[in-house]
């Protein structure tokens, strides 16, 4: 899907903007996407993720980018950051392709959960494809 990254990112940006929120950074790799959003207080994180996943899935399937039906995995990870960390988070998101040459998504995600001291059960964590 790399050849469609720009088109997908523009579409998701439109979804976010239509929900009166501001997309600050977006980047996707083959098995996940990172998005930094200035979220409007009129929409919850869960509703925003639902809107992004539902609408972008329909968009991807209408474009026939895959020979089979595309669906995002159930669930998502959401982390909040203070304004003072914004530049670092944007840089992190922009460098996903380089970052994932050194660390896969599973390691990255589990490190986030541990770093932020989020308790979790393995059976509720994503299905990872490494």
C-alpha atoms as a PDB file:
ATOM      1  CA  UNK A   1       0.000   0.000   0.000  1.00  0.00           C
ATOM      2  CA  UNK A   2       2.966   2.446   0.119  1.00  0.00           C
ATOM      3  CA  UNK A   3       2.102   3.835  -3.307  1.00  0.00           C
ATOM      4  CA  UNK A   4      -1.267   4.955  -1.898  1.00  0.00           C
ATOM      5  CA  UNK A   5       0.079   6.501   1.329  1.00  0.00           C
ATOM      6  CA  UNK A   6      -0.364  10.127   0.254  1.00  0.00           C
ATOM      7  CA  UNK A   7      -3.904   9.614  -0.997  1.00  0.00           C
ATOM      8  CA  UNK A   8      -4.907   7.734   2.173  1.00  0.00           C
ATOM      9  CA  UNK A   9      -3.331  10.363   4.411  1.00  0.00           C
ATOM     10  CA  UNK A  10      -5.157  13.188   2.585  1.00  0.00           C
ATOM     11  CA  UNK A  11      -8.442  11.325   2.924  1.00  0.00           C
ATOM     12  CA  UNK A  12      -7.935  10.777   6.664  1.00  0.00           C
ATOM     13  CA  UNK A  13      -6.967  14.443   7.053  1.00  0.00           C
ATOM     14  CA  UNK A  14     -10.341  15.343   5.544  1.00  0.00           C
ATOM     15  CA  UNK A  15     -12.158  13.060   7.992  1.00  0.00           C
ATOM     16  CA  UNK A  16     -10.418  14.737  10.934  1.00  0.00           C
ATOM     17  CA  UNK A  17     -11.063  18.251   9.625  1.00  0.00           C
ATOM     18  CA  UNK A  18     -14.742  17.472   8.989  1.00  0.00           C
ATOM     19  CA  UNK A  19     -15.008  16.594  12.695  1.00  0.00           C
ATOM     20  CA  UNK A  20     -13.776  20.102  13.627  1.00  0.00           C
ATOM     21  CA  UNK A  21     -10.399  18.763  14.707  1.00  0.00           C
ATOM     22  CA  UNK A  22      -6.895  19.479  13.448  1.00  0.00           C
ATOM     23  CA  UNK A  23      -4.599  16.833  12.030  1.00  0.00           C
ATOM     24  CA  UNK A  24      -1.095  17.712  13.204  1.00  0.00           C
ATOM     25  CA  UNK A  25       0.835  14.741  11.813  1.00  0.00           C
ATOM     26  CA  UNK A  26       0.093  11.478  10.022  1.00  0.00           C
ATOM     27  CA  UNK A  27       2.245   8.656   8.703  1.00  0.00           C
ATOM     28  CA  UNK A  28       1.531   5.037   7.940  1.00  0.00           C
ATOM     29  CA  UNK A  29       3.606   1.957   7.358  1.00  0.00           C
ATOM     30  CA  UNK A  30       2.392  -1.373   6.024  1.00  0.00           C
ATOM     31  CA  UNK A  31       0.700  -2.591   9.208  1.00  0.00           C
ATOM     32  CA  UNK A  32      -0.354   0.514  11.162  1.00  0.00           C
ATOM     33  CA  UNK A  33      -0.817   4.254  11.155  1.00  0.00           C
ATOM     34  CA  UNK A  34       0.224   7.032  13.547  1.00  0.00           C
ATOM     35  CA  UNK A  35      -1.904  10.163  13.760  1.00  0.00           C
ATOM     36  CA  UNK A  36      -1.464  13.208  15.987  1.00  0.00           C
ATOM     37  CA  UNK A  37      -4.715  15.128  16.294  1.00  0.00           C
ATOM     38  CA  UNK A  38      -5.697  18.333  18.016  1.00  0.00           C
ATOM     39  CA  UNK A  39      -9.044  16.852  19.030  1.00  0.00           C
ATOM     40  CA  UNK A  40     -12.142  19.022  19.231  1.00  0.00           C
ATOM     41  CA  UNK A  41     -13.857  18.785  22.628  1.00  0.00           C
ATOM     42  CA  UNK A  42     -17.079  17.988  20.746  1.00  0.00           C
ATOM     43  CA  UNK A  43     -15.873  14.489  19.749  1.00  0.00           C
ATOM     44  CA  UNK A  44     -14.443  11.647  21.817  1.00  0.00           C
ATOM     45  CA  UNK A  45     -11.282   9.801  20.903  1.00  0.00           C
ATOM     46  CA  UNK A  46     -13.235   6.582  20.423  1.00  0.00           C
ATOM     47  CA  UNK A  47     -15.715   8.291  18.061  1.00  0.00           C
ATOM     48  CA  UNK A  48     -12.876   9.884  16.069  1.00  0.00           C
ATOM     49  CA  UNK A  49     -11.097   6.537  15.689  1.00  0.00           C
ATOM     50  CA  UNK A  50     -14.375   4.885  14.685  1.00  0.00           C
ATOM     51  CA  UNK A  51     -14.971   7.584  12.039  1.00  0.00           C
ATOM     52  CA  UNK A  52     -11.420   7.272  10.676  1.00  0.00           C
ATOM     53  CA  UNK A  53     -11.479   3.477  10.541  1.00  0.00           C
ATOM     54  CA  UNK A  54     -14.979   3.139   9.079  1.00  0.00           C
ATOM     55  CA  UNK A  55     -14.629   5.832   6.439  1.00  0.00           C
ATOM     56  CA  UNK A  56     -11.062   5.008   5.407  1.00  0.00           C
ATOM     57  CA  UNK A  57     -11.933   1.297   5.097  1.00  0.00           C
ATOM     58  CA  UNK A  58     -14.793   2.162   2.744  1.00  0.00           C
ATOM     59  CA  UNK A  59     -12.484   4.491   0.801  1.00  0.00           C
ATOM     60  CA  UNK A  60      -9.756   1.844   0.455  1.00  0.00           C
ATOM     61  CA  UNK A  61     -12.286  -0.776  -0.665  1.00  0.00           C
ATOM     62  CA  UNK A  62     -13.898   1.606  -3.187  1.00  0.00           C
ATOM     63  CA  UNK A  63     -10.439   2.275  -4.631  1.00  0.00           C
ATOM     64  CA  UNK A  64      -9.813  -1.515  -4.841  1.00  0.00           C
ATOM     65  CA  UNK A  65      -6.279  -1.162  -3.527  1.00  0.00           C
ATOM     66  CA  UNK A  66      -6.395  -4.753  -2.245  1.00  0.00           C
ATOM     67  CA  UNK A  67      -7.609  -7.890  -3.995  1.00  0.00           C
ATOM     68  CA  UNK A  68      -9.648  -8.741  -0.871  1.00  0.00           C
ATOM     69  CA  UNK A  69     -11.826  -6.715   1.501  1.00  0.00           C
ATOM     70  CA  UNK A  70      -9.766  -4.353   3.665  1.00  0.00           C
ATOM     71  CA  UNK A  71     -10.593  -3.939   7.352  1.00  0.00           C
ATOM     72  CA  UNK A  72      -8.700  -2.267  10.171  1.00  0.00           C
ATOM     73  CA  UNK A  73      -8.084  -4.465  13.173  1.00  0.00           C
ATOM     74  CA  UNK A  74     -10.406  -4.176  16.148  1.00  0.00           C
ATOM     75  CA  UNK A  75      -9.087  -1.785  18.760  1.00  0.00           C
ATOM     76  CA  UNK A  76      -6.612   1.073  18.786  1.00  0.00           C
ATOM     77  CA  UNK A  77      -4.020   2.727  20.956  1.00  0.00           C
ATOM     78  CA  UNK A  78      -4.397   6.360  21.986  1.00  0.00           C
ATOM     79  CA  UNK A  79      -1.916   8.403  23.978  1.00  0.00           C
ATOM     80  CA  UNK A  80      -2.176  12.034  25.003  1.00  0.00           C
ATOM     81  CA  UNK A  81       0.728  14.451  24.995  1.00  0.00           C
ATOM     82  CA  UNK A  82       1.222  17.942  26.318  1.00  0.00           C
ATOM     83  CA  UNK A  83       1.766  20.808  23.907  1.00  0.00           C
ATOM     84  CA  UNK A  84       5.422  20.954  24.969  1.00  0.00           C
ATOM     85  CA  UNK A  85       5.963  17.461  23.472  1.00  0.00           C
ATOM     86  CA  UNK A  86       4.271  18.246  20.161  1.00  0.00           C
ATOM     87  CA  UNK A  87       7.453  18.788  18.124  1.00  0.00           C
ATOM     88  CA  UNK A  88       8.997  15.529  19.347  1.00  0.00           C
ATOM     89  CA  UNK A  89       5.815  13.565  18.593  1.00  0.00           C
ATOM     90  CA  UNK A  90       5.537  15.062  15.102  1.00  0.00           C
ATOM     91  CA  UNK A  91       9.174  14.161  14.409  1.00  0.00           C
ATOM     92  CA  UNK A  92       8.583  10.628  15.713  1.00  0.00           C
ATOM     93  CA  UNK A  93       5.563  10.186  13.436  1.00  0.00           C
ATOM     94  CA  UNK A  94       7.356  11.617  10.398  1.00  0.00           C
ATOM     95  CA  UNK A  95      10.214   9.127  10.852  1.00  0.00           C
ATOM     96  CA  UNK A  96       8.142   5.939  11.037  1.00  0.00           C
ATOM     97  CA  UNK A  97       9.719   4.245   8.031  1.00  0.00           C
ATOM     98  CA  UNK A  98      13.213   4.747   9.467  1.00  0.00           C
ATOM     99  CA  UNK A  99      12.092   3.858  12.988  1.00  0.00           C
ATOM    100  CA  UNK A 100      10.562   0.544  11.896  1.00  0.00           C
ATOM    101  CA  UNK A 101      13.756  -0.570  10.251  1.00  0.00           C
ATOM    102  CA  UNK A 102      15.090  -0.871  13.812  1.00  0.00           C
ATOM    103  CA  UNK A 103      11.971  -1.798  15.799  1.00  0.00           C
ATOM    104  CA  UNK A 104       8.815  -3.603  14.699  1.00  0.00           C
ATOM    105  CA  UNK A 105       5.282  -2.516  15.603  1.00  0.00           C
ATOM    106  CA  UNK A 106       4.848  -5.131  18.328  1.00  0.00           C
ATOM    107  CA  UNK A 107       7.981  -4.018  20.181  1.00  0.00           C
ATOM    108  CA  UNK A 108       7.081  -0.370  19.685  1.00  0.00           C
ATOM    109  CA  UNK A 109       3.542  -0.763  21.003  1.00  0.00           C
ATOM    110  CA  UNK A 110       4.478  -2.879  24.004  1.00  0.00           C
ATOM    111  CA  UNK A 111       7.226  -0.375  24.858  1.00  0.00           C
ATOM    112  CA  UNK A 112       4.622   2.424  24.820  1.00  0.00           C
ATOM    113  CA  UNK A 113       2.349   0.496  27.157  1.00  0.00           C
ATOM    114  CA  UNK A 114       5.229  -0.154  29.533  1.00  0.00           C
ATOM    115  CA  UNK A 115       6.618   3.396  29.293  1.00  0.00           C
ATOM    116  CA  UNK A 116       3.248   4.880  30.221  1.00  0.00           C
ATOM    117  CA  UNK A 117       2.685   2.197  32.881  1.00  0.00           C
ATOM    118  CA  UNK A 118      -0.507   0.971  31.243  1.00  0.00           C
ATOM    119  CA  UNK A 119      -1.636  -2.377  32.564  1.00  0.00           C
ATOM    120  CA  UNK A 120      -2.692  -4.772  29.833  1.00  0.00           C
ATOM    121  CA  UNK A 121      -3.464  -8.404  29.157  1.00  0.00           C
ATOM    122  CA  UNK A 122      -1.779 -10.002  26.168  1.00  0.00           C
ATOM    123  CA  UNK A 123      -5.065 -11.451  24.894  1.00  0.00           C
ATOM    124  CA  UNK A 124      -6.405  -7.904  24.442  1.00  0.00           C
ATOM    125  CA  UNK A 125      -3.408  -6.537  22.567  1.00  0.00           C
ATOM    126  CA  UNK A 126      -3.381  -6.386  18.745  1.00  0.00           C
ATOM    127  CA  UNK A 127      -2.703  -9.342  16.508  1.00  0.00           C
ATOM    128  CA  UNK A 128       0.804  -8.523  15.360  1.00  0.00           C
ATOM    129  CA  UNK A 129       2.154  -9.533  11.974  1.00  0.00           C
ATOM    130  CA  UNK A 130       5.905  -9.786  12.246  1.00  0.00           C
END
